[in-house]
Amino acid sequence: MKLQLRSLTATLAVLFSLASSSMVRAVDLYNTLSKPVDIWTQVSSSTGVGLSFKTTPTEYLIDTVTVKLANDVLSPAGYGNVTIAIYNASGANSTPGSIVGTPIGSVPVSSLTTTLTDFSFTGLNRTLSPSTNYWITLTSTDMPPNSSGYAWTGIISDSSGTLTTGSLGSTFNPSGSGWSTFNNYWVQGSVSTVAVPEPTTHALAAIATGMMAAVARRRKARMG
């Protein structure tokens, strides 16, 4: 009997390990943070920048978004904010269409330095549609007119091994006239998800829980 209980306990440990590893799994849908920057492009009162990504059948719960920002103005205090948001791809030629929910967050221009720096927004818990294209946009509506140089982000041309699950490239909004795509350049940044458990994962966890309850009852009966 002791041998059977030990064997059952070992089996349960394996089941729980498999279920846990399936339920908690972070996946990068887009990641170009480690790539060297080719050029800087600005975010201003008339120019926005975006990076595109695609969810998968199981990776569509957005957890973390990271962007890089800098400025080349000596005294940018009071010069507005860069707003980061998720947009669907319902615009012309699959460009940003409508905002999804509220903005992810914002970065004051006054906090930027002359070095491109990571700004991460974590614990977002944003549920998107599976297998669908989206955009992360960097825009500003409160910078003063002619705010050239207040905020910049990095653009790369080498995307090998860093873009996953159908990322499409970067865009910008020239003088507020609409989004245009750049096929051979990508924005520095990342989009990470927490994988949504498949039904079999829930079933595995339920089986393990039921077996644990049975073991507990059997041990209690033996001790009684």
Foldseek 3Di string as FASTA:
>chain_A
DVVVLVVLVVVLVVLVVVLVVQQFDKDWQFADQPPDFDDKDFAAQFKKKKWKGWAAPFFFFWFKKKFWKAFDDPQCPPQFKKWKFKFFQPDPPRHGDGTDPDTLGIGGLRPHHHDTDMDMRGRSRDGDDHGGMMMIMIHTNRGDPPPPRSMIFGKDQDCPPGHHDDIQAMWMGGRVPDIDGDRRMHTHMIIMGTTHHDPVSVVSVVVSVVSVVVSVVVVVVVVD
